[in-house]
Structure formats: C-alpha cells, structure tokens
Amino acid sequence: MMQCIAAGHQIVALANLRPAKNQVGSDELDSYMYQTVGHHAIDLYAEAMALPLYRRTIRGRSLDTRQVYTKCEGDEVEDLYELLKLVKEKEEVEGISVGAILSDYQRVRVENVCKRLNLQPLAYLWQRNQEDLLREMISSNIQAVIIKVAALGLDPDKHLGKTLDQMEPYLVELSKKYGVHVCGEGGEYETFTLDCPLFKKKIIVDSSEVVIHSADAFAPVAYLRFLELHLEDKVKNQCIQENLPAVTSELAASEPRFSHSLEKACYMQLLKPFLFSKVLI
C-alpha cells in the first residue's frame, strides 16, 4: 500500500475474503490463495485507515490448480471476482494493489480476475529481493507481528507474536540454513500489521492464544488467535510523509520488476486486504 501511495495512487477502499462463521477450523482454511488467520481483526484495519471495508465469505475451494487458470464455478478464485466486482461498482476503482512477491499461482489468478473486470493489477513487490524487501518494511516503520508459523526452525512458543524487526536476523539465518523464504512467500509464516504510516490509529493486542493446527515434530503449524484488541491514538503528525523517502528512493532507483502481463503494472496483499487509482487494497 505504501508503494502505491509513493507512486501517486489514491487508496479508496479495502477488501477482504473471510471464512464462513460456522465453518469448522475457520481461522485457518489452508487456502491456496488467501490468508485467513487473523481475519477476525480485519475490521480494525478499516477503522485505523478510515476507509470503507468490503468483505465476502469464501464459498469456493481450490478446484482449478493448473498453471493457467480459467473461470471455474465453485473455485475460490470466483469469490475474489465477485468481491472485486462489487467494489468496482460501489467505488469506481481502477486498480488493485497486489502483495504477491513470488507466487505465480496467485499472480495468474489475480491477473485473470482483473482482466475480466478491466482492472489494473498493481504489483510493486513482484520478484523483489526478499532480504532487501524485509529491511525496507522494517525501516518504513511497518509494525507487523508473526501470527502463523509453518516451517522448520520456527517455534510457536518462541516466535508467534514477534515483530519482523525482532525476527529479521533469525529469518535470514533460516534462509541460509534451510532455504526458508525471508518474507514467508513459501508459506513459512504469516503476519498481521499492527501499525504503519498509513494508519491513523494503531492496533493494540490485549490478549491472544496459541492454536496448534498441526503438531508436526519438526515443523509444527500454529497460529495466534486474537481474543481482545483495541485501537489507540498515535502521536500527532505521525503520518506517511515522514516515512516515504525510503520508499520513493527505491522507486526512483529502479523500475519495479515484473513478468508477463504485470510488466507495466505495479502491488495486492492478499489477506491480506486488497487495494484499488483510485486503488483498492
């Protein structure tokens, strides 16, 4: 989202796909496309940014998993299509911010939906060096905590709730030892942002609990379930302008790296809210 602002886009809405309320294990759907852990707190993103939030229940499953996606009734990708179709009608958005860094599976499906809706996918993070990107996130004052772990070397008791700043050296070490993706692009971990320069208020976690999803002896899968959260006012004048130089200098230094039809596009953090230039997140 910050990359989109730095490039001159206007964020007009947030959008999120969530599990059904009565769905068993709804905190973690193991979706090929969407992060669902932390979905209970997404409403706070909208309040923190003072933006409208559009949500839709995930009704489909991963049916068409081929390299090239085609419209498939009952596939979870069609839930994304219906959600973005609604937002386009309501907000007249022109583009979607896409947070994909390395996943061709997600890229192909987002591009398919955008093409059908005549929306521009913005993917500023595509194929960026992950160590550089992680450092940039931290230096830009993005306060994100790890809320899911699913990789060798990541311990639920030690690492859930830790900030990216605290985890950076260890993630780099795991990358060198085991090939872990530093930004979690292989599904090694997922995060929830508590504060960033785009937020007018910051999110405070009052209480949470650890849920073990899979008790694997070597790479247990576990996540944080938020029990209580609240918003808190930030220091006056603490806004994006003071943190933009690092972002804009990166943009000026080199054009974003894209492939295929993303070559002239720009960024969708799929939880991972979506962004629309009028852009949706």
Protein backbone atom coordinates (compact mmCIF):
# COMPACT_ATOMS: atom_id res chain seq x y z
CA MET A 1 0.00 0.00 0.00
CA MET A 2 2.82 2.39 0.84
CA GLN A 3 4.40 1.71 -2.55
CA CYS A 4 1.12 2.63 -4.21
CA ILE A 5 0.91 5.92 -2.30
CA ALA A 6 4.53 6.69 -3.20
CA ALA A 7 3.67 6.09 -6.87
CA GLY A 8 0.81 8.60 -6.71
CA HIS A 9 -2.19 6.32 -6.35
CA GLN A 10 -5.13 7.03 -4.04
CA ILE A 11 -6.36 4.23 -1.80
CA VAL A 12 -10.15 4.38 -1.69
CA ALA A 13 -11.22 1.08 -0.11
CA LEU A 14 -10.15 -2.17 1.50
CA ALA A 15 -11.48 -5.62 0.61
CA ASN A 16 -11.16 -8.98 2.33
CA LEU A 17 -12.29 -12.56 1.81
CA ARG A 18 -13.14 -14.35 5.04
CA PRO A 19 -14.17 -17.87 6.09
CA ALA A 20 -17.78 -18.70 6.86
CA LYS A 21 -18.60 -18.10 10.53
CA ASN A 22 -19.87 -21.64 11.11
CA GLN A 23 -17.07 -23.33 9.17
CA VAL A 24 -15.02 -25.87 11.12
CA GLY A 25 -11.45 -24.64 11.59
CA SER A 26 -12.40 -21.30 10.08
CA ASP A 27 -9.35 -19.49 11.43
CA GLU A 28 -7.10 -21.45 9.07
CA LEU A 29 -8.57 -22.71 5.80
CA ASP A 30 -5.22 -23.73 4.25
CA SER A 31 -6.32 -21.84 1.16
CA TYR A 32 -4.06 -21.78 -1.90
CA MET A 33 -4.98 -18.12 -2.39
CA TYR A 34 -5.93 -16.38 0.84
CA GLN A 35 -4.57 -15.84 4.32
CA THR A 36 -7.40 -16.39 6.78
CA VAL A 37 -5.55 -16.36 10.11
CA GLY A 38 -6.27 -13.03 11.77
CA HIS A 39 -9.46 -12.40 9.81
CA HIS A 40 -11.39 -11.52 12.99
CA ALA A 41 -9.35 -8.32 13.30
CA ILE A 42 -9.60 -7.04 9.72
CA ASP A 43 -12.37 -4.58 10.67
CA LEU A 44 -9.75 -2.69 12.68
CA TYR A 45 -7.74 -2.06 9.50
CA ALA A 46 -10.65 -0.10 8.07
CA GLU A 47 -11.04 1.90 11.28
CA ALA A 48 -7.30 2.53 11.55
CA MET A 49 -7.18 3.85 7.97
CA ALA A 50 -10.63 5.49 7.97
CA LEU A 51 -11.57 3.64 4.77
CA PRO A 52 -14.59 1.56 3.75
CA LEU A 53 -14.12 -2.20 4.00
CA TYR A 54 -15.85 -4.70 1.70
CA ARG A 55 -15.94 -8.35 2.76
CA ARG A 56 -17.20 -11.58 1.25
CA THR A 57 -17.34 -15.12 2.55
CA ILE A 58 -15.11 -17.70 0.87
CA ARG A 59 -17.55 -20.24 -0.52
CA GLY A 60 -15.39 -21.96 -3.11
CA ARG A 61 -12.42 -24.33 -2.97
CA SER A 62 -9.21 -24.72 -4.96
CA LEU A 63 -10.61 -26.63 -7.94
CA ASP A 64 -8.60 -25.43 -10.93
CA THR A 65 -4.98 -25.66 -9.77
CA ARG A 66 -3.45 -25.74 -13.24
CA GLN A 67 -0.71 -23.32 -14.24
CA VAL A 68 -3.14 -21.30 -16.36
CA TYR A 69 -6.45 -20.55 -14.63
CA THR A 70 -9.75 -20.40 -16.46
CA LYS A 71 -13.10 -19.40 -14.98
CA CYS A 72 -14.32 -22.30 -12.85
CA GLU A 73 -17.63 -22.31 -10.98
CA GLY A 74 -17.09 -23.25 -7.34
CA ASP A 75 -13.42 -22.24 -7.30
CA GLU A 76 -12.31 -19.87 -4.54
CA VAL A 77 -10.95 -17.50 -7.21
CA GLU A 78 -14.53 -16.75 -8.23
CA ASP A 79 -15.16 -15.40 -4.72
CA LEU A 80 -12.43 -12.86 -5.42
CA TYR A 81 -14.08 -11.99 -8.73
CA GLU A 82 -17.45 -11.34 -7.08
CA LEU A 83 -15.89 -9.26 -4.31
CA LEU A 84 -13.90 -7.04 -6.67
CA LYS A 85 -16.88 -6.71 -8.99
CA LEU A 86 -18.89 -5.29 -6.08
CA VAL A 87 -16.14 -2.89 -5.06
CA LYS A 88 -15.70 -1.65 -8.62
CA GLU A 89 -19.43 -0.92 -8.84
CA LYS A 90 -19.51 0.88 -5.48
CA GLU A 91 -16.20 2.78 -5.55
CA GLU A 92 -15.40 3.03 -9.29
CA VAL A 93 -11.90 1.73 -8.65
CA GLU A 94 -9.38 1.41 -11.46
CA GLY A 95 -6.70 -0.82 -9.97
CA ILE A 96 -5.93 -3.46 -7.36
CA SER A 97 -2.91 -3.45 -5.06
CA VAL A 98 -1.31 -6.90 -5.09
CA GLY A 99 1.17 -8.01 -2.43
CA ALA A 100 2.43 -11.05 -4.29
CA ILE A 101 6.22 -11.36 -4.29
CA LEU A 102 6.95 -14.74 -5.83
CA SER A 103 3.77 -16.82 -6.24
CA ASP A 104 2.92 -17.37 -9.90
CA TYR A 105 -0.13 -19.33 -8.73
CA GLN A 106 -1.60 -16.21 -7.10
CA ARG A 107 -0.36 -13.85 -9.81
CA VAL A 108 -2.03 -15.78 -12.63
CA ARG A 109 -5.36 -15.87 -10.80
CA VAL A 110 -5.36 -12.22 -9.79
CA GLU A 111 -4.49 -11.24 -13.37
CA ASN A 112 -7.35 -13.41 -14.64
CA VAL A 113 -9.85 -11.67 -12.34
CA CYS A 114 -8.50 -8.19 -13.13
CA LYS A 115 -8.65 -8.81 -16.88
CA ARG A 116 -12.29 -9.90 -16.64
CA LEU A 117 -13.16 -6.78 -14.62
CA ASN A 118 -10.95 -4.38 -16.60
CA LEU A 119 -8.90 -3.54 -13.50
CA GLN A 120 -5.16 -2.85 -13.38
CA PRO A 121 -3.19 -5.13 -11.02
CA LEU A 122 -0.50 -3.14 -9.19
CA ALA A 123 2.36 -5.38 -8.05
CA TYR A 124 5.28 -3.27 -6.85
CA LEU A 125 6.72 -6.10 -4.75
CA TRP A 126 6.84 -8.66 -7.56
CA GLN A 127 10.17 -10.55 -7.63
CA ARG A 128 11.89 -8.09 -5.31
CA ASN A 129 14.87 -9.42 -3.36
CA GLN A 130 13.25 -10.63 -0.16
CA GLU A 131 16.03 -9.64 2.23
CA ASP A 132 16.01 -6.11 0.80
CA LEU A 133 12.23 -6.00 0.96
CA LEU A 134 12.10 -7.13 4.59
CA ARG A 135 14.64 -4.48 5.60
CA GLU A 136 12.63 -1.87 3.69
CA MET A 137 9.44 -2.84 5.52
CA ILE A 138 11.16 -2.51 8.88
CA SER A 139 12.86 0.81 8.05
CA SER A 140 9.49 2.17 6.85
CA ASN A 141 8.03 1.65 10.35
CA ILE A 142 5.71 -1.20 9.45
CA GLN A 143 4.94 -2.87 12.78
CA ALA A 144 3.89 -6.39 11.79
CA VAL A 145 3.84 -9.44 14.05
CA ILE A 146 4.07 -13.11 13.13
CA ILE A 147 0.69 -14.78 13.68
CA LYS A 148 1.31 -18.12 11.97
CA VAL A 149 4.36 -20.39 11.69
CA ALA A 150 4.71 -23.42 9.42
CA ALA A 151 8.38 -24.12 8.76
CA LEU A 152 11.41 -25.93 10.09
CA GLY A 153 13.10 -23.69 12.65
CA LEU A 154 10.02 -21.65 13.55
CA ASP A 155 8.75 -22.45 17.05
CA PRO A 156 5.19 -21.45 18.04
CA ASP A 157 6.21 -20.81 21.66
CA LYS A 158 9.20 -18.67 20.69
CA HIS A 159 8.18 -16.85 17.54
CA LEU A 160 4.43 -16.21 17.44
CA GLY A 161 3.78 -12.57 18.33
CA LYS A 162 7.31 -11.45 17.49
CA THR A 163 7.74 -8.41 15.24
CA LEU A 164 9.50 -8.57 11.88
CA ASP A 165 12.18 -6.30 13.35
CA GLN A 166 12.85 -8.85 16.10
CA MET A 167 12.76 -11.77 13.67
CA GLU A 168 14.83 -10.39 10.78
CA PRO A 169 18.26 -11.81 11.79
CA TYR A 170 16.77 -15.22 12.55
CA LEU A 171 14.76 -15.34 9.31
CA VAL A 172 17.91 -14.57 7.33
CA GLU A 173 19.70 -17.35 9.23
CA LEU A 174 16.87 -19.82 8.45
CA SER A 175 17.04 -18.82 4.80
CA LYS A 176 20.72 -19.70 4.66
CA LYS A 177 20.29 -22.97 6.61
CA TYR A 178 17.05 -24.37 5.22
CA GLY A 179 16.05 -22.22 2.26
CA VAL A 180 13.22 -20.53 4.14
CA HIS A 181 11.76 -17.57 2.24
CA VAL A 182 12.69 -14.48 4.28
CA CYS A 183 9.32 -12.84 3.54
CA GLY A 184 7.35 -16.05 4.05
CA GLU A 185 6.49 -16.48 0.37
CA GLY A 186 6.68 -20.25 0.72
CA GLY A 187 4.00 -20.22 3.41
CA GLU A 188 6.60 -20.40 6.18
CA TYR A 189 4.88 -17.70 8.21
CA GLU A 190 2.10 -15.11 8.05
CA THR A 191 1.84 -11.71 9.67
CA PHE A 192 -0.65 -9.15 10.93
CA THR A 193 0.14 -5.43 10.76
CA LEU A 194 -0.48 -3.52 13.99
CA ASP A 195 0.74 -0.16 12.75
CA CYS A 196 2.22 1.53 9.70
CA PRO A 197 2.48 5.11 8.41
CA LEU A 198 -0.87 4.73 6.62
CA PHE A 199 -2.73 4.06 9.88
CA LYS A 200 -4.36 6.97 11.68
CA LYS A 201 -4.59 4.76 14.77
CA LYS A 202 -2.57 1.75 15.85
CA ILE A 203 -3.89 -1.67 16.80
CA ILE A 204 -3.15 -2.99 20.29
CA VAL A 205 -3.42 -6.69 21.11
CA ASP A 206 -4.81 -7.07 24.64
CA SER A 207 -4.97 -10.86 24.69
CA SER A 208 -4.45 -13.82 22.38
CA GLU A 209 -3.96 -17.56 22.46
CA VAL A 210 -1.81 -20.04 20.55
CA VAL A 211 -3.66 -22.64 18.49
CA ILE A 212 -1.79 -25.74 17.29
CA HIS A 213 -3.05 -26.58 13.80
CA SER A 214 -0.65 -29.46 13.12
CA ALA A 215 1.67 -30.84 15.80
CA ASP A 216 4.47 -31.89 13.46
CA ALA A 217 7.61 -32.82 15.38
CA PHE A 218 9.92 -30.83 13.11
CA ALA A 219 7.76 -28.08 11.59
CA PRO A 220 4.62 -27.57 13.68
CA VAL A 221 1.90 -25.38 12.21
CA ALA A 222 0.41 -22.98 14.74
CA TYR A 223 -1.20 -19.57 14.82
CA LEU A 224 -2.29 -16.78 17.13
CA ARG A 225 -5.99 -16.27 17.70
CA PHE A 226 -6.72 -12.72 18.81
CA LEU A 227 -9.13 -12.59 21.76
CA GLU A 228 -9.20 -8.87 22.51
CA LEU A 229 -7.86 -5.87 20.58
CA HIS A 230 -8.41 -2.14 20.56
CA LEU A 231 -7.35 0.95 18.63
CA GLU A 232 -5.16 3.61 20.17
CA ASP A 233 -4.43 7.15 19.02
CA LYS A 234 -0.99 7.74 17.52
CA VAL A 235 1.42 10.58 18.20
CA LYS A 236 0.19 13.74 16.47
CA ASN A 237 1.60 14.29 12.97
CA GLN A 238 2.95 10.74 12.82
CA CYS A 239 1.95 10.08 9.21
CA ILE A 240 3.21 8.57 5.99
CA GLN A 241 5.13 11.63 4.76
CA GLU A 242 7.90 11.17 7.31
CA ASN A 243 8.48 7.60 6.14
CA LEU A 244 8.13 7.99 2.40
CA PRO A 245 11.76 8.84 1.49
CA ALA A 246 12.94 5.23 1.76
CA VAL A 247 10.08 4.07 -0.43
CA THR A 248 10.34 6.79 -3.07
CA SER A 249 14.11 6.48 -3.34
CA GLU A 250 13.70 2.78 -4.03
CA LEU A 251 11.17 3.53 -6.75
CA ALA A 252 13.40 6.15 -8.29
CA ALA A 253 16.44 3.89 -8.28
CA SER A 254 14.87 1.23 -10.44
CA GLU A 255 11.60 0.30 -12.08
CA PRO A 256 9.62 -2.47 -10.32
CA ARG A 257 10.46 -5.94 -11.62
CA PHE A 258 7.50 -7.59 -13.31
CA SER A 259 6.86 -10.57 -15.53
CA HIS A 260 4.27 -11.36 -18.18
CA SER A 261 1.25 -9.05 -18.05
CA LEU A 262 2.47 -7.49 -14.80
CA GLU A 263 5.37 -5.84 -16.61
CA LYS A 264 3.72 -2.43 -16.77
CA ALA A 265 1.76 -2.85 -13.59
CA CYS A 266 2.51 -2.21 -10.08
CA TYR A 267 1.02 -4.15 -5.89
CA MET A 268 -2.43 -6.94 -3.56
CA GLN A 269 -1.59 -8.06 -0.02
CA LEU A 270 -3.97 -10.80 -0.27
CA LEU A 271 -5.21 -11.22 3.35
CA LYS A 272 -4.45 -9.79 3.05
CA PRO A 273 -6.73 -6.82 2.15
CA PHE A 274 -6.84 -5.72 -1.48
CA LEU A 275 -6.02 -2.19 -2.80
CA PHE A 276 -7.82 -0.30 -5.63
CA SER A 277 -6.02 4.56 -8.74
CA LYS A 278 -8.30 5.05 -7.36
CA VAL A 279 -6.85 1.90 -5.93
CA LEU A 280 -8.45 -0.80 -3.78
CA ILE A 281 -6.43 -2.66 -1.16
